[in-house]
Amino acid sequence: MSVFDAREILLFAIRIEENGEAFYRNMSAKLPEPRIQDLFRHLAGQELVHRDIYRSMLSKLQAYTPPETYTDEYGAYLRAYVDNKIFNAGRLDEYAAAITTAKAAIDFAIDRELESILYYQEILMVVPEEQKNEINKIIGEEKNHFMKLSELRKTIA
């Protein structure tokens, strides 16, 4: 049994996906290259699919109380990770404003996809066994996003 509330980390995952969707939509509107707009619109849609999967998982979880007093170090770690390393909603406008080229947008997106993969791998340690397959599917999709962005990045000067 885990010592951290899986519901909270699923809420973090939902926030990551929502912030990612907002970033991709913003960049698809901001950047003029049609192939980049298309990819970013596609990725934005995928982020919403992932959000809905996490929402569904969250609705199936029962409230969880750790079996012992817990200092919340792991929870603090996950919160800091989400807020500082992945799509941070509070700073999303700042990030987007600083991105003025397709190359910069793709580089930023690649970094966020990698950070998301690492976070979701952490989730695997605390969610119930019956939900791990669904998270592994999302990890696979995030890896696919990373590969698509990396391939596109090779074509951008």
Protein backbone atom coordinates (compact mmCIF):
# COMPACT_ATOMS: atom_id res chain seq x y z
CA MET A 1 0.00 0.00 0.00
CA SER A 2 1.33 3.44 -0.83
CA VAL A 3 1.82 6.17 1.76
CA PHE A 4 0.63 8.99 -0.44
CA ASP A 5 -2.85 9.83 -1.64
CA ALA A 6 -3.08 8.72 -5.27
CA ARG A 7 -5.99 11.13 -5.73
CA GLU A 8 -3.71 14.12 -5.26
CA ILE A 9 -1.14 12.94 -7.78
CA LEU A 10 -3.92 12.32 -10.30
CA LEU A 11 -5.05 15.91 -9.71
CA PHE A 12 -1.46 16.99 -10.50
CA ALA A 13 -1.57 14.89 -13.67
CA ILE A 14 -4.84 16.54 -14.71
CA ARG A 15 -3.24 19.95 -14.17
CA ILE A 16 -0.20 18.97 -16.25
CA GLU A 17 -2.43 17.89 -19.13
CA GLU A 18 -4.60 21.02 -18.96
CA ASN A 19 -1.57 23.28 -18.90
CA GLY A 20 0.01 21.36 -21.76
CA GLU A 21 -3.15 21.73 -23.80
CA ALA A 22 -3.17 25.48 -23.20
CA PHE A 23 0.49 25.77 -24.21
CA TYR A 24 0.03 23.78 -27.42
CA ARG A 25 -3.11 25.73 -28.37
CA ASN A 26 -1.28 29.01 -27.72
CA MET A 27 1.70 28.00 -29.83
CA SER A 28 -0.47 26.67 -32.67
CA ALA A 29 -2.12 30.09 -32.87
CA LYS A 30 1.13 32.01 -32.46
CA LEU A 31 3.46 30.27 -34.90
CA PRO A 32 2.92 30.71 -38.65
CA GLU A 33 4.25 27.36 -39.95
CA PRO A 34 1.30 25.10 -40.92
CA ARG A 35 3.04 21.80 -40.07
CA ILE A 36 3.91 23.10 -36.61
CA GLN A 37 0.40 24.45 -36.11
CA ASP A 38 -1.01 21.06 -37.11
CA LEU A 39 1.25 19.12 -34.77
CA PHE A 40 0.60 21.46 -31.85
CA ARG A 41 -3.18 21.29 -32.42
CA HIS A 42 -2.92 17.49 -32.47
CA LEU A 43 -0.86 17.47 -29.27
CA ALA A 44 -3.34 19.83 -27.60
CA GLY A 45 -6.13 17.38 -28.40
CA GLN A 46 -4.10 14.49 -27.02
CA GLU A 47 -3.52 16.38 -23.77
CA LEU A 48 -7.30 16.65 -23.35
CA VAL A 49 -7.69 12.91 -23.95
CA HIS A 50 -5.08 12.24 -21.26
CA ARG A 51 -6.80 14.68 -18.89
CA ASP A 52 -10.07 12.81 -19.35
CA ILE A 53 -8.38 9.46 -18.65
CA TYR A 54 -6.95 10.84 -15.41
CA ARG A 55 -10.33 12.29 -14.46
CA SER A 56 -11.91 8.90 -15.02
CA MET A 57 -9.25 7.22 -12.91
CA LEU A 58 -9.75 9.82 -10.19
CA SER A 59 -13.50 9.22 -10.11
CA LYS A 60 -12.88 5.52 -9.44
CA LEU A 61 -10.53 6.03 -6.50
CA GLN A 62 -11.84 5.95 -2.99
CA ALA A 63 -10.63 8.43 -0.43
CA TYR A 64 -7.32 7.27 0.94
CA THR A 65 -5.88 7.79 4.39
CA PRO A 66 -2.25 6.83 4.89
CA PRO A 67 -1.82 4.02 7.42
CA GLU A 68 0.54 6.11 9.55
CA THR A 69 1.49 9.71 10.14
CA TYR A 70 3.34 10.91 7.07
CA THR A 71 5.46 14.03 6.76
CA ASP A 72 4.26 14.62 3.19
CA GLU A 73 7.79 14.78 1.80
CA TYR A 74 6.80 12.75 -1.23
CA GLY A 75 3.76 14.92 -1.83
CA ALA A 76 5.86 18.05 -1.48
CA TYR A 77 8.33 16.61 -3.97
CA LEU A 78 5.60 15.87 -6.51
CA ARG A 79 4.00 19.31 -6.06
CA ALA A 80 7.36 21.06 -6.52
CA TYR A 81 8.12 18.90 -9.54
CA VAL A 82 4.84 19.80 -11.22
CA ASP A 83 5.08 23.48 -10.35
CA ASN A 84 8.71 23.93 -11.32
CA LYS A 85 9.50 21.45 -14.05
CA ILE A 86 6.39 20.80 -16.09
CA PHE A 87 3.72 23.08 -17.55
CA ASN A 88 3.20 25.65 -14.78
CA ALA A 89 -0.14 27.43 -15.27
CA GLY A 90 0.97 30.49 -13.34
CA ARG A 91 3.91 31.00 -15.66
CA LEU A 92 2.41 29.69 -18.90
CA ASP A 93 1.82 33.16 -20.35
CA GLU A 94 5.38 34.12 -19.46
CA TYR A 95 6.77 31.02 -21.16
CA ALA A 96 4.64 31.56 -24.25
CA ALA A 97 5.60 35.22 -24.55
CA ALA A 98 9.28 34.33 -24.47
CA ILE A 99 8.88 31.82 -27.30
CA THR A 100 9.11 33.56 -30.64
CA THR A 101 10.33 30.81 -32.97
CA ALA A 102 9.22 27.34 -33.93
CA LYS A 103 12.57 25.98 -32.76
CA ALA A 104 12.12 27.47 -29.28
CA ALA A 105 8.54 26.18 -29.05
CA ILE A 106 9.57 22.68 -30.06
CA ASP A 107 12.54 22.66 -27.67
CA PHE A 108 10.30 23.79 -24.82
CA ALA A 109 7.68 21.16 -25.71
CA ILE A 110 10.30 18.39 -25.88
CA ASP A 111 11.52 19.28 -22.40
CA ARG A 112 7.98 19.31 -21.00
CA GLU A 113 7.14 15.95 -22.57
CA LEU A 114 10.25 14.40 -21.01
CA GLU A 115 9.39 15.88 -17.63
CA SER A 116 5.83 14.58 -17.94
CA ILE A 117 7.11 11.09 -18.71
CA LEU A 118 9.24 11.16 -15.56
CA TYR A 119 6.29 12.35 -13.48
CA TYR A 120 3.99 9.66 -14.82
CA GLN A 121 6.61 7.04 -14.06
CA GLU A 122 6.49 8.30 -10.47
CA ILE A 123 2.71 7.91 -10.49
CA LEU A 124 3.14 4.21 -11.23
CA MET A 125 4.60 3.74 -7.76
CA VAL A 126 1.52 5.00 -5.93
CA VAL A 127 -1.60 4.18 -7.93
CA PRO A 128 -3.52 0.94 -7.51
CA GLU A 129 -2.31 -1.98 -9.62
CA GLU A 130 -5.45 -1.97 -11.77
CA GLN A 131 -4.66 1.59 -12.97
CA LYS A 132 -1.03 1.03 -13.93
CA ASN A 133 -1.83 -0.24 -17.41
CA GLU A 134 -3.72 2.97 -18.23
CA ILE A 135 -0.82 5.12 -17.02
CA ASN A 136 1.64 3.01 -19.00
CA LYS A 137 -0.46 3.71 -22.11
CA ILE A 138 -0.25 7.45 -21.42
CA ILE A 139 3.50 7.17 -20.89
CA GLY A 140 3.71 5.48 -24.30
CA GLU A 141 1.70 8.30 -25.86
CA GLU A 142 3.90 10.92 -24.19
CA LYS A 143 6.95 9.13 -25.58
CA ASN A 144 5.29 9.26 -28.99
CA HIS A 145 4.78 13.02 -28.57
CA PHE A 146 8.46 13.32 -27.68
CA MET A 147 9.44 11.40 -30.82
CA LYS A 148 7.17 13.47 -33.09
CA LEU A 149 8.55 16.69 -31.66
CA SER A 150 12.12 15.40 -31.95
CA GLU A 151 11.62 14.43 -35.59
CA LEU A 152 10.10 17.82 -36.37
CA ARG A 153 12.94 19.52 -34.51
CA LYS A 154 15.46 17.91 -36.89
CA THR A 155 13.82 19.74 -39.79
CA ILE A 156 13.87 23.18 -38.17
CA ALA A 157 16.93 25.38 -38.66
